[in-house]
Amino acid sequence: NQITLVLERMLSLLFLFKAILVLLLILLIVLYISLFRFSRRFPPIASSDFPLLRGPANCSLSLVVPCYNEEKRLPPMFLQSISYLSNRARANPNFSYEILIVNDGSKDRTAEVAQQLFRDAPSSHGCSRFEVIDVVPNQGKGNAVRTGMLHSRGALVLFADADGATEFADVERLEAKITDTSRPMLVIASRSQLNEEAERTFFRKVLSWGFHTLLRLVGVGHIRDTQCGFKVFTRPAARAVAFNQHLTRWAFDVELLFIARLFDIPTLEAPVRWHEIDGSKLDPVMDSVIMARDVLYVRLLFLLRLWRVRPVPHDA
């Protein structure tokens, strides 16, 4: 009787073990199908369609500003940036710049306001090009940043948020980290290095801590502030990330850093002066959940080779 009882228990455990294995296999299949469908939703762009980024630089700096319904927040940032850039060009005749406003399907007067701001600017000395690039319909901040980089012609490409939360003159702190503009390099503005100046709410700090814990799991935890909207790319680095980027919304920053890591692009941080600006389009709860999912998907998609980095094209 005891032997029979032991055998029955062993059979029960074996059945349970098989059931768990089958369940895990089903979950893995469902996950793979989900990843496969997700990967097809965000294909990389064709580099041949964007000759400007493939070609050589013809100005010192490209300023890319992604905008969605920013008619109220854009003016202070725009005036601060063009004032700094024109004064810099006046002091250094070898410095030139371009400003690319990427209007991501805005429903307000963002495009008209940007055009009017440029026309009314006290000075645009050294500006080789000003353009408002319309994207219709709205496709997300990640796509807007990529679109701006694909249309850029600067030796350095600066992506800056339209809210002006970062002191624009601090671009010099980022540029100081770059030793050679002809080599791939990426420098990120970091708010974590200037905690005494970065005035953030407690809720944002909690979200930042949780998000950074997730970043460690996917391999870019060495970057202390991935989400600050103020990043400088050398032209070769801009090519590497823009031609390989997939994500079009909030988690795109993490994908850019992950791509840079795959290319062994040096990624540095520089402290900036930063203050919180009202009017963010980010839903702190729902968008945080979506970002967490997308960050994990990025790691898995590259791991499973559903996404792969391609050689960086460029024209002499």
C-alpha atoms as a PDB file:
ATOM      1  CA  ASN A   1       0.000   0.000   0.000  1.00  0.00           C
ATOM      2  CA  GLN A   2       2.799   2.423   0.844  1.00  0.00           C
ATOM      3  CA  ILE A   3       4.568   1.674  -2.447  1.00  0.00           C
ATOM      4  CA  THR A   4       1.343   2.256  -4.321  1.00  0.00           C
ATOM      5  CA  LEU A   5       0.803   5.543  -2.475  1.00  0.00           C
ATOM      6  CA  VAL A   6       4.350   6.694  -3.269  1.00  0.00           C
ATOM      7  CA  LEU A   7       3.912   5.788  -6.940  1.00  0.00           C
ATOM      8  CA  GLU A   8       0.636   7.701  -7.088  1.00  0.00           C
ATOM      9  CA  ARG A   9       2.276  10.773  -5.578  1.00  0.00           C
ATOM     10  CA  MET A  10       5.188  10.509  -8.011  1.00  0.00           C
ATOM     11  CA  LEU A  11       2.773  10.228 -10.925  1.00  0.00           C
ATOM     12  CA  SER A  12       0.834  13.222  -9.619  1.00  0.00           C
ATOM     13  CA  LEU A  13       4.031  15.275  -9.363  1.00  0.00           C
ATOM     14  CA  LEU A  14       5.095  14.157 -12.825  1.00  0.00           C
ATOM     15  CA  PHE A  15       1.726  15.180 -14.231  1.00  0.00           C
ATOM     16  CA  LEU A  16       1.972  18.531 -12.455  1.00  0.00           C
ATOM     17  CA  PHE A  17       5.492  19.041 -13.788  1.00  0.00           C
ATOM     18  CA  LYS A  18       4.352  18.265 -17.342  1.00  0.00           C
ATOM     19  CA  ALA A  19       1.399  20.610 -16.962  1.00  0.00           C
ATOM     20  CA  ILE A  20       3.715  23.398 -15.827  1.00  0.00           C
ATOM     21  CA  LEU A  21       6.057  22.754 -18.763  1.00  0.00           C
ATOM     22  CA  VAL A  22       3.159  22.855 -21.221  1.00  0.00           C
ATOM     23  CA  LEU A  23       1.876  26.070 -19.658  1.00  0.00           C
ATOM     24  CA  LEU A  24       5.340  27.657 -19.868  1.00  0.00           C
ATOM     25  CA  LEU A  25       5.660  26.562 -23.481  1.00  0.00           C
ATOM     26  CA  ILE A  26       2.294  28.119 -24.306  1.00  0.00           C
ATOM     27  CA  LEU A  27       3.300  31.354 -22.558  1.00  0.00           C
ATOM     28  CA  LEU A  28       6.611  31.449 -24.465  1.00  0.00           C
ATOM     29  CA  ILE A  29       4.799  30.916 -27.770  1.00  0.00           C
ATOM     30  CA  VAL A  30       2.307  33.669 -26.936  1.00  0.00           C
ATOM     31  CA  LEU A  31       5.176  35.987 -25.926  1.00  0.00           C
ATOM     32  CA  TYR A  32       7.080  35.268 -29.131  1.00  0.00           C
ATOM     33  CA  ILE A  33       3.990  35.929 -31.255  1.00  0.00           C
ATOM     34  CA  SER A  34       3.433  39.185 -29.365  1.00  0.00           C
ATOM     35  CA  LEU A  35       7.070  40.194 -29.883  1.00  0.00           C
ATOM     36  CA  PHE A  36       6.921  39.261 -33.558  1.00  0.00           C
ATOM     37  CA  ARG A  37       3.801  41.356 -34.129  1.00  0.00           C
ATOM     38  CA  PHE A  38       5.290  44.242 -32.161  1.00  0.00           C
ATOM     39  CA  SER A  39       8.511  44.092 -34.202  1.00  0.00           C
ATOM     40  CA  ARG A  40       6.544  44.381 -37.447  1.00  0.00           C
ATOM     41  CA  ARG A  41       4.672  47.434 -36.193  1.00  0.00           C
ATOM     42  CA  PHE A  42       7.903  49.444 -36.002  1.00  0.00           C
ATOM     43  CA  PRO A  43      10.135  48.709 -39.000  1.00  0.00           C
ATOM     44  CA  PRO A  44      13.342  50.732 -39.464  1.00  0.00           C
ATOM     45  CA  ILE A  45      13.347  53.364 -42.176  1.00  0.00           C
ATOM     46  CA  ALA A  46      15.185  53.055 -45.502  1.00  0.00           C
ATOM     47  CA  SER A  47      18.403  55.069 -45.360  1.00  0.00           C
ATOM     48  CA  SER A  48      18.254  55.732 -49.108  1.00  0.00           C
ATOM     49  CA  ASP A  49      15.173  57.903 -48.540  1.00  0.00           C
ATOM     50  CA  PHE A  50      17.134  60.402 -46.425  1.00  0.00           C
ATOM     51  CA  PRO A  51      20.228  61.660 -48.273  1.00  0.00           C
ATOM     52  CA  LEU A  52      20.707  64.675 -45.980  1.00  0.00           C
ATOM     53  CA  LEU A  53      21.871  62.622 -42.988  1.00  0.00           C
ATOM     54  CA  ARG A  54      23.870  60.302 -45.251  1.00  0.00           C
ATOM     55  CA  GLY A  55      25.773  63.257 -46.675  1.00  0.00           C
ATOM     56  CA  PRO A  56      28.527  65.395 -45.149  1.00  0.00           C
ATOM     57  CA  ALA A  57      27.880  68.204 -42.677  1.00  0.00           C
ATOM     58  CA  ASN A  58      27.493  71.754 -43.955  1.00  0.00           C
ATOM     59  CA  CYS A  59      26.978  73.552 -40.637  1.00  0.00           C
ATOM     60  CA  SER A  60      28.303  73.248 -37.094  1.00  0.00           C
ATOM     61  CA  LEU A  61      25.106  72.366 -35.221  1.00  0.00           C
ATOM     62  CA  SER A  62      21.622  71.131 -36.024  1.00  0.00           C
ATOM     63  CA  LEU A  63      18.990  71.925 -33.407  1.00  0.00           C
ATOM     64  CA  VAL A  64      16.077  69.458 -33.564  1.00  0.00           C
ATOM     65  CA  VAL A  65      12.969  70.383 -31.556  1.00  0.00           C
ATOM     66  CA  PRO A  66      10.098  67.850 -31.483  1.00  0.00           C
ATOM     67  CA  CYS A  67       6.727  69.532 -30.935  1.00  0.00           C
ATOM     68  CA  TYR A  68       3.188  68.402 -30.256  1.00  0.00           C
ATOM     69  CA  ASN A  69       0.721  71.144 -29.323  1.00  0.00           C
ATOM     70  CA  GLU A  70       3.521  73.416 -28.098  1.00  0.00           C
ATOM     71  CA  GLU A  71       2.243  76.848 -29.144  1.00  0.00           C
ATOM     72  CA  LYS A  72       2.468  78.063 -25.533  1.00  0.00           C
ATOM     73  CA  ARG A  73       5.681  76.411 -24.329  1.00  0.00           C
ATOM     74  CA  LEU A  74       7.745  76.812 -27.509  1.00  0.00           C
ATOM     75  CA  PRO A  75       8.233  80.632 -27.580  1.00  0.00           C
ATOM     76  CA  PRO A  76      10.442  80.984 -24.440  1.00  0.00           C
ATOM     77  CA  MET A  77      12.598  78.011 -25.438  1.00  0.00           C
ATOM     78  CA  PHE A  78      12.900  79.185 -29.046  1.00  0.00           C
ATOM     79  CA  LEU A  79      13.889  82.731 -28.131  1.00  0.00           C
ATOM     80  CA  GLN A  80      16.439  81.505 -25.585  1.00  0.00           C
ATOM     81  CA  SER A  81      18.017  79.090 -28.064  1.00  0.00           C
ATOM     82  CA  ILE A  82      18.180  81.408 -31.083  1.00  0.00           C
ATOM     83  CA  SER A  83      19.564  84.218 -28.924  1.00  0.00           C
ATOM     84  CA  TYR A  84      22.338  81.944 -27.662  1.00  0.00           C
ATOM     85  CA  LEU A  85      23.108  80.526 -31.117  1.00  0.00           C
ATOM     86  CA  SER A  86      23.160  83.898 -32.909  1.00  0.00           C
ATOM     87  CA  ASN A  87      25.425  85.423 -30.243  1.00  0.00           C
ATOM     88  CA  ARG A  88      27.744  82.426 -30.523  1.00  0.00           C
ATOM     89  CA  ALA A  89      27.850  82.751 -34.315  1.00  0.00           C
ATOM     90  CA  ARG A  90      28.590  86.455 -34.008  1.00  0.00           C
ATOM     91  CA  ALA A  91      31.492  85.742 -31.656  1.00  0.00           C
ATOM     92  CA  ASN A  92      32.804  82.875 -33.803  1.00  0.00           C
ATOM     93  CA  PRO A  93      32.535  83.351 -37.603  1.00  0.00           C
ATOM     94  CA  ASN A  94      33.274  79.631 -38.107  1.00  0.00           C
ATOM     95  CA  PHE A  95      30.150  78.599 -36.191  1.00  0.00           C
ATOM     96  CA  SER A  96      26.862  78.126 -38.055  1.00  0.00           C
ATOM     97  CA  TYR A  97      23.648  76.358 -37.182  1.00  0.00           C
ATOM     98  CA  GLU A  98      20.239  75.257 -38.412  1.00  0.00           C
ATOM     99  CA  ILE A  99      16.934  74.949 -36.553  1.00  0.00           C
ATOM    100  CA  LEU A 100      14.515  72.133 -37.371  1.00  0.00           C
ATOM    101  CA  ILE A 101      11.094  72.284 -35.710  1.00  0.00           C
ATOM    102  CA  VAL A 102       9.334  68.930 -36.130  1.00  0.00           C
ATOM    103  CA  ASN A 103       5.597  69.523 -35.837  1.00  0.00           C
ATOM    104  CA  ASP A 104       4.236  66.107 -34.875  1.00  0.00           C
ATOM    105  CA  GLY A 105       0.612  66.373 -35.961  1.00  0.00           C
ATOM    106  CA  SER A 106      -0.169  69.266 -33.628  1.00  0.00           C
ATOM    107  CA  LYS A 107      -3.803  70.325 -33.337  1.00  0.00           C
ATOM    108  CA  ASP A 108      -2.945  73.873 -32.283  1.00  0.00           C
ATOM    109  CA  ARG A 109      -0.938  76.621 -34.018  1.00  0.00           C
ATOM    110  CA  THR A 110       2.519  75.227 -33.260  1.00  0.00           C
ATOM    111  CA  ALA A 111       3.737  75.447 -36.876  1.00  0.00           C
ATOM    112  CA  GLU A 112       2.482  79.019 -37.373  1.00  0.00           C
ATOM    113  CA  VAL A 113       3.900  80.123 -34.026  1.00  0.00           C
ATOM    114  CA  ALA A 114       7.318  78.663 -34.891  1.00  0.00           C
ATOM    115  CA  GLN A 115       7.401  80.456 -38.256  1.00  0.00           C
ATOM    116  CA  GLN A 116       6.369  83.732 -36.639  1.00  0.00           C
ATOM    117  CA  LEU A 117       8.976  83.357 -33.894  1.00  0.00           C
ATOM    118  CA  PHE A 118      11.740  82.995 -36.478  1.00  0.00           C
ATOM    119  CA  ARG A 119      10.508  85.987 -38.472  1.00  0.00           C
ATOM    120  CA  ASP A 120      10.297  88.153 -35.344  1.00  0.00           C
ATOM    121  CA  ALA A 121      13.548  86.966 -33.722  1.00  0.00           C
ATOM    122  CA  PRO A 122      15.822  89.907 -32.817  1.00  0.00           C
ATOM    123  CA  SER A 123      18.689  88.091 -34.529  1.00  0.00           C
ATOM    124  CA  SER A 124      19.266  84.904 -36.493  1.00  0.00           C
ATOM    125  CA  HIS A 125      22.914  85.572 -37.245  1.00  0.00           C
ATOM    126  CA  GLY A 126      24.703  82.450 -38.461  1.00  0.00           C
ATOM    127  CA  CYS A 127      21.512  80.484 -39.138  1.00  0.00           C
ATOM    128  CA  SER A 128      22.023  78.604 -42.397  1.00  0.00           C
ATOM    129  CA  ARG A 129      18.559  77.064 -42.404  1.00  0.00           C
ATOM    130  CA  PHE A 130      15.263  77.222 -40.566  1.00  0.00           C
ATOM    131  CA  GLU A 131      12.538  74.693 -41.334  1.00  0.00           C
ATOM    132  CA  VAL A 132       9.280  73.457 -39.873  1.00  0.00           C
ATOM    133  CA  ILE A 133       8.846  69.784 -40.751  1.00  0.00           C
ATOM    134  CA  ASP A 134       5.211  68.664 -40.584  1.00  0.00           C
ATOM    135  CA  VAL A 135       4.448  65.052 -39.620  1.00  0.00           C
ATOM    136  CA  VAL A 136       0.819  64.022 -40.170  1.00  0.00           C
ATOM    137  CA  PRO A 137      -0.768  62.351 -38.316  1.00  0.00           C
ATOM    138  CA  ASN A 138       0.829  62.418 -34.875  1.00  0.00           C
ATOM    139  CA  GLN A 139       3.284  59.521 -34.579  1.00  0.00           C
ATOM    140  CA  GLY A 140       5.040  60.187 -31.288  1.00  0.00           C
ATOM    141  CA  LYS A 141       8.036  62.033 -29.910  1.00  0.00           C
ATOM    142  CA  GLY A 142      10.466  59.281 -30.884  1.00  0.00           C
ATOM    143  CA  ASN A 143       9.455  59.542 -34.526  1.00  0.00           C
ATOM    144  CA  ALA A 144       9.648  63.348 -34.373  1.00  0.00           C
ATOM    145  CA  VAL A 145      13.228  63.229 -33.054  1.00  0.00           C
ATOM    146  CA  ARG A 146      14.225  60.666 -35.666  1.00  0.00           C
ATOM    147  CA  THR A 147      12.611  62.727 -38.431  1.00  0.00           C
ATOM    148  CA  GLY A 148      14.571  65.793 -37.360  1.00  0.00           C
ATOM    149  CA  MET A 149      17.857  63.885 -37.267  1.00  0.00           C
ATOM    150  CA  LEU A 150      17.186  62.388 -40.697  1.00  0.00           C
ATOM    151  CA  HIS A 151      16.811  65.907 -42.116  1.00  0.00           C
ATOM    152  CA  SER A 152      19.812  67.377 -40.272  1.00  0.00           C
ATOM    153  CA  ARG A 153      23.031  68.658 -41.845  1.00  0.00           C
ATOM    154  CA  GLY A 154      25.104  69.576 -38.776  1.00  0.00           C
ATOM    155  CA  ALA A 155      28.411  68.143 -37.622  1.00  0.00           C
ATOM    156  CA  LEU A 156      26.648  67.912 -34.257  1.00  0.00           C
ATOM    157  CA  VAL A 157      22.944  67.192 -33.815  1.00  0.00           C
ATOM    158  CA  LEU A 158      21.245  68.499 -30.664  1.00  0.00           C
ATOM    159  CA  PHE A 159      17.805  67.207 -29.769  1.00  0.00           C
ATOM    160  CA  ALA A 160      16.116  69.547 -27.283  1.00  0.00           C
ATOM    161  CA  ASP A 161      12.615  69.443 -25.809  1.00  0.00           C
ATOM    162  CA  ALA A 162      10.288  72.303 -26.643  1.00  0.00           C
ATOM    163  CA  ASP A 163       9.531  73.063 -23.000  1.00  0.00           C
ATOM    164  CA  GLY A 164      12.924  74.673 -22.410  1.00  0.00           C
ATOM    165  CA  ALA A 165      13.379  72.879 -19.086  1.00  0.00           C
ATOM    166  CA  THR A 166      17.140  72.673 -19.685  1.00  0.00           C
ATOM    167  CA  GLU A 167      19.180  75.868 -19.755  1.00  0.00           C
ATOM    168  CA  PHE A 168      20.102  76.063 -23.445  1.00  0.00           C
ATOM    169  CA  ALA A 169      23.562  77.521 -22.891  1.00  0.00           C
ATOM    170  CA  ASP A 170      24.470  74.271 -21.136  1.00  0.00           C
ATOM    171  CA  VAL A 171      24.900  72.732 -24.575  1.00  0.00           C
ATOM    172  CA  GLU A 172      28.509  73.842 -24.122  1.00  0.00           C
ATOM    173  CA  ARG A 173      28.851  71.388 -21.227  1.00  0.00           C
ATOM    174  CA  LEU A 174      27.811  68.574 -23.548  1.00  0.00           C
ATOM    175  CA  GLU A 175      30.021  69.716 -26.417  1.00  0.00           C
ATOM    176  CA  ALA A 176      33.012  69.898 -24.079  1.00  0.00           C
ATOM    177  CA  LYS A 177      32.801  66.102 -23.703  1.00  0.00           C
ATOM    178  CA  ILE A 178      33.190  65.538 -27.450  1.00  0.00           C
ATOM    179  CA  THR A 179      36.806  65.153 -28.515  1.00  0.00           C
ATOM    180  CA  ASP A 180      36.304  64.449 -32.221  1.00  0.00           C
ATOM    181  CA  THR A 181      33.141  65.288 -34.192  1.00  0.00           C
ATOM    182  CA  SER A 182      34.157  62.896 -36.983  1.00  0.00           C
ATOM    183  CA  ARG A 183      33.840  59.887 -34.658  1.00  0.00           C
ATOM    184  CA  PRO A 184      30.624  58.447 -33.192  1.00  0.00           C
ATOM    185  CA  MET A 185      29.918  59.971 -29.782  1.00  0.00           C
ATOM    186  CA  LEU A 186      26.791  60.690 -27.764  1.00  0.00           C
ATOM    187  CA  VAL A 187      26.534  63.052 -24.806  1.00  0.00           C
ATOM    188  CA  ILE A 188      23.428  63.185 -22.625  1.00  0.00           C
ATOM    189  CA  ALA A 189      22.328  65.967 -20.329  1.00  0.00           C
ATOM    190  CA  SER A 190      22.055  64.621 -16.805  1.00  0.00           C
ATOM    191  CA  ARG A 191      19.842  66.042 -14.092  1.00  0.00           C
ATOM    192  CA  SER A 192      21.054  63.485 -11.567  1.00  0.00           C
ATOM    193  CA  GLN A 193      24.488  65.108 -11.396  1.00  0.00           C
ATOM    194  CA  LEU A 194      23.047  68.427 -10.281  1.00  0.00           C
ATOM    195  CA  ASN A 195      20.469  67.360  -7.706  1.00  0.00           C
ATOM    196  CA  GLU A 196      20.684  70.690  -5.949  1.00  0.00           C
ATOM    197  CA  GLU A 197      19.516  72.435  -9.127  1.00  0.00           C
ATOM    198  CA  ALA A 198      17.115  69.837 -10.518  1.00  0.00           C
ATOM    199  CA  GLU A 199      13.788  70.704  -8.936  1.00  0.00           C
ATOM    200  CA  ARG A 200      11.602  67.609  -9.436  1.00  0.00           C
ATOM    201  CA  THR A 201       8.465  66.489  -7.641  1.00  0.00           C
ATOM    202  CA  PHE A 202       8.553  63.503  -5.287  1.00  0.00           C
ATOM    203  CA  PHE A 203       6.318  61.511  -7.651  1.00  0.00           C
ATOM    204  CA  ARG A 204       8.714  62.077 -10.551  1.00  0.00           C
ATOM    205  CA  LYS A 205      11.634  60.980  -8.379  1.00  0.00           C
ATOM    206  CA  VAL A 206       9.819  57.734  -7.484  1.00  0.00           C
ATOM    207  CA  LEU A 207       9.043  57.051 -11.155  1.00  0.00           C
ATOM    208  CA  SER A 208      12.642  57.805 -12.067  1.00  0.00           C
ATOM    209  CA  TRP A 209      13.953  55.347  -9.458  1.00  0.00           C
ATOM    210  CA  GLY A 210      11.638  52.562 -10.665  1.00  0.00           C
ATOM    211  CA  PHE A 211      12.476  53.194 -14.303  1.00  0.00           C
ATOM    212  CA  HIS A 212      16.199  53.191 -13.614  1.00  0.00           C
ATOM    213  CA  THR A 213      15.877  49.835 -11.855  1.00  0.00           C
ATOM    214  CA  LEU A 214      14.306  48.492 -15.051  1.00  0.00           C
ATOM    215  CA  LEU A 215      17.148  49.962 -17.131  1.00  0.00           C
ATOM    216  CA  ARG A 216      19.672  47.934 -15.165  1.00  0.00           C
ATOM    217  CA  LEU A 217      17.823  44.794 -16.213  1.00  0.00           C
ATOM    218  CA  VAL A 218      18.049  45.649 -19.913  1.00  0.00           C
ATOM    219  CA  GLY A 219      21.692  46.716 -19.917  1.00  0.00           C
ATOM    220  CA  VAL A 220      21.751  50.523 -19.975  1.00  0.00           C
ATOM    221  CA  GLY A 221      21.716  51.122 -16.226  1.00  0.00           C
ATOM    222  CA  HIS A 222      25.120  52.794 -16.444  1.00  0.00           C
ATOM    223  CA  ILE A 223      23.307  55.893 -17.735  1.00  0.00           C
ATOM    224  CA  ARG A 224      21.881  57.777 -14.781  1.00  0.00           C
ATOM    225  CA  ASP A 225      19.426  59.959 -16.710  1.00  0.00           C
ATOM    226  CA  THR A 226      18.161  58.438 -19.959  1.00  0.00           C
ATOM    227  CA  GLN A 227      15.029  60.576 -20.325  1.00  0.00           C
ATOM    228  CA  CYS A 228      16.349  64.140 -20.211  1.00  0.00           C
ATOM    229  CA  GLY A 229      15.306  65.799 -23.467  1.00  0.00           C
ATOM    230  CA  PHE A 230      18.684  67.330 -24.242  1.00  0.00           C
ATOM    231  CA  LYS A 231      21.160  65.111 -26.118  1.00  0.00           C
ATOM    232  CA  VAL A 232      24.025  65.798 -28.516  1.00  0.00           C
ATOM    233  CA  PHE A 233      25.090  63.354 -31.224  1.00  0.00           C
ATOM    234  CA  THR A 234      28.072  63.587 -33.510  1.00  0.00           C
ATOM    235  CA  ARG A 235      27.015  63.086 -37.107  1.00  0.00           C
ATOM    236  CA  PRO A 236      28.255  59.463 -37.298  1.00  0.00           C
ATOM    237  CA  ALA A 237      26.381  58.670 -34.060  1.00  0.00           C
ATOM    238  CA  ALA A 238      23.205  60.311 -35.391  1.00  0.00           C
ATOM    239  CA  ARG A 239      23.417  58.102 -38.479  1.00  0.00           C
ATOM    240  CA  ALA A 240      23.891  54.956 -36.384  1.00  0.00           C
ATOM    241  CA  VAL A 241      20.859  55.542 -34.171  1.00  0.00           C
ATOM    242  CA  ALA A 242      18.454  57.220 -36.621  1.00  0.00           C
ATOM    243  CA  PHE A 243      18.831  54.563 -39.313  1.00  0.00           C
ATOM    244  CA  ASN A 244      18.329  51.756 -36.763  1.00  0.00           C
ATOM    245  CA  GLN A 245      15.671  53.223 -34.466  1.00  0.00           C
ATOM    246  CA  HIS A 246      12.268  51.519 -34.284  1.00  0.00           C
ATOM    247  CA  LEU A 247      10.283  52.955 -31.371  1.00  0.00           C
ATOM    248  CA  THR A 248       8.303  56.089 -32.084  1.00  0.00           C
ATOM    249  CA  ARG A 249       7.002  57.066 -28.661  1.00  0.00           C
ATOM    250  CA  TRP A 250       8.236  57.659 -25.101  1.00  0.00           C
ATOM    251  CA  ALA A 251      10.694  54.766 -24.695  1.00  0.00           C
ATOM    252  CA  PHE A 252      12.708  55.728 -27.779  1.00  0.00           C
ATOM    253  CA  ASP A 253      15.472  57.273 -25.625  1.00  0.00           C
ATOM    254  CA  VAL A 254      16.287  53.870 -24.164  1.00  0.00           C
ATOM    255  CA  GLU A 255      16.373  52.256 -27.601  1.00  0.00           C
ATOM    256  CA  LEU A 256      18.792  54.941 -28.827  1.00  0.00           C
ATOM    257  CA  LEU A 257      21.112  54.192 -25.911  1.00  0.00           C
ATOM    258  CA  PHE A 258      20.795  50.461 -26.498  1.00  0.00           C
ATOM    259  CA  ILE A 259      21.680  50.898 -30.185  1.00  0.00           C
ATOM    260  CA  ALA A 260      24.646  53.068 -29.210  1.00  0.00           C
ATOM    261  CA  ARG A 261      25.799  50.290 -26.909  1.00  0.00           C
ATOM    262  CA  LEU A 262      25.513  47.707 -29.709  1.00  0.00           C
ATOM    263  CA  PHE A 263      27.703  49.939 -31.902  1.00  0.00           C
ATOM    264  CA  ASP A 264      30.153  50.565 -29.016  1.00  0.00           C
ATOM    265  CA  ILE A 265      29.502  54.300 -29.316  1.00  0.00           C
ATOM    266  CA  PRO A 266      30.971  56.177 -26.324  1.00  0.00           C
ATOM    267  CA  THR A 267      28.045  57.562 -24.321  1.00  0.00           C
ATOM    268  CA  LEU A 268      28.828  60.245 -21.762  1.00  0.00           C
ATOM    269  CA  GLU A 269      26.823  62.436 -19.406  1.00  0.00           C
ATOM    270  CA  ALA A 270      27.174  66.109 -18.569  1.00  0.00           C
ATOM    271  CA  PRO A 271      25.420  68.003 -15.750  1.00  0.00           C
ATOM    272  CA  VAL A 272      22.909  70.669 -16.740  1.00  0.00           C
ATOM    273  CA  ARG A 273      20.717  73.228 -15.074  1.00  0.00           C
ATOM    274  CA  TRP A 274      17.138  72.007 -15.216  1.00  0.00           C
ATOM    275  CA  HIS A 275      13.758  72.953 -13.798  1.00  0.00           C
ATOM    276  CA  GLU A 276      10.359  71.349 -14.225  1.00  0.00           C
ATOM    277  CA  ILE A 277       7.933  72.986 -16.659  1.00  0.00           C
ATOM    278  CA  ASP A 278       4.166  72.464 -16.537  1.00  0.00           C
ATOM    279  CA  GLY A 279       2.288  71.138 -19.537  1.00  0.00           C
ATOM    280  CA  SER A 280       3.875  67.716 -20.075  1.00  0.00           C
ATOM    281  CA  LYS A 281       1.951  65.409 -22.453  1.00  0.00           C
ATOM    282  CA  LEU A 282       3.134  62.346 -20.492  1.00  0.00           C
ATOM    283  CA  ASP A 283       0.518  60.387 -18.540  1.00  0.00           C
ATOM    284  CA  PRO A 284       2.564  59.392 -15.475  1.00  0.00           C
ATOM    285  CA  VAL A 285       0.656  56.133 -14.932  1.00  0.00           C
ATOM    286  CA  MET A 286      -0.387  54.716 -18.305  1.00  0.00           C
ATOM    287  CA  ASP A 287       2.651  55.944 -20.221  1.00  0.00           C
ATOM    288  CA  SER A 288       4.974  54.608 -17.522  1.00  0.00           C
ATOM    289  CA  VAL A 289       3.431  51.139 -17.952  1.00  0.00           C
ATOM    290  CA  ILE A 290       3.774  51.349 -21.750  1.00  0.00           C
ATOM    291  CA  MET A 291       7.366  52.553 -21.442  1.00  0.00           C
ATOM    292  CA  ALA A 292       8.229  49.662 -19.123  1.00  0.00           C
ATOM    293  CA  ARG A 293       6.776  47.191 -21.618  1.00  0.00           C
ATOM    294  CA  ASP A 294       8.586  48.802 -24.555  1.00  0.00           C
ATOM    295  CA  VAL A 295      11.924  48.839 -22.737  1.00  0.00           C
ATOM    296  CA  LEU A 296      11.663  45.104 -22.018  1.00  0.00           C
ATOM    297  CA  TYR A 297      10.554  44.470 -25.600  1.00  0.00           C
ATOM    298  CA  VAL A 298      13.602  46.309 -26.946  1.00  0.00           C
ATOM    299  CA  ARG A 299      15.918  44.014 -24.996  1.00  0.00           C
ATOM    300  CA  LEU A 300      14.056  40.862 -26.043  1.00  0.00           C
ATOM    301  CA  LEU A 301      13.663  41.848 -29.704  1.00  0.00           C
ATOM    302  CA  PHE A 302      17.379  42.469 -30.159  1.00  0.00           C
ATOM    303  CA  LEU A 303      18.208  39.373 -28.112  1.00  0.00           C
ATOM    304  CA  LEU A 304      15.989  37.197 -30.332  1.00  0.00           C
ATOM    305  CA  ARG A 305      17.328  39.007 -33.423  1.00  0.00           C
ATOM    306  CA  LEU A 306      13.875  40.064 -34.534  1.00  0.00           C
ATOM    307  CA  TRP A 307      15.496  43.501 -34.640  1.00  0.00           C
ATOM    308  CA  ARG A 308      19.098  43.891 -35.766  1.00  0.00           C
ATOM    309  CA  VAL A 309      21.404  46.847 -36.184  1.00  0.00           C
ATOM    310  CA  ARG A 310      22.391  47.495 -39.792  1.00  0.00           C
ATOM    311  CA  PRO A 311      25.655  48.953 -41.109  1.00  0.00           C
ATOM    312  CA  VAL A 312      25.654  52.743 -40.984  1.00  0.00           C
ATOM    313  CA  PRO A 313      25.434  54.214 -44.513  1.00  0.00           C
ATOM    314  CA  HIS A 314      27.032  57.523 -45.411  1.00  0.00           C
ATOM    315  CA  ASP A 315      27.994  59.443 -48.529  1.00  0.00           C
ATOM    316  CA  ALA A 316      31.394  61.087 -48.838  1.00  0.00           C
END
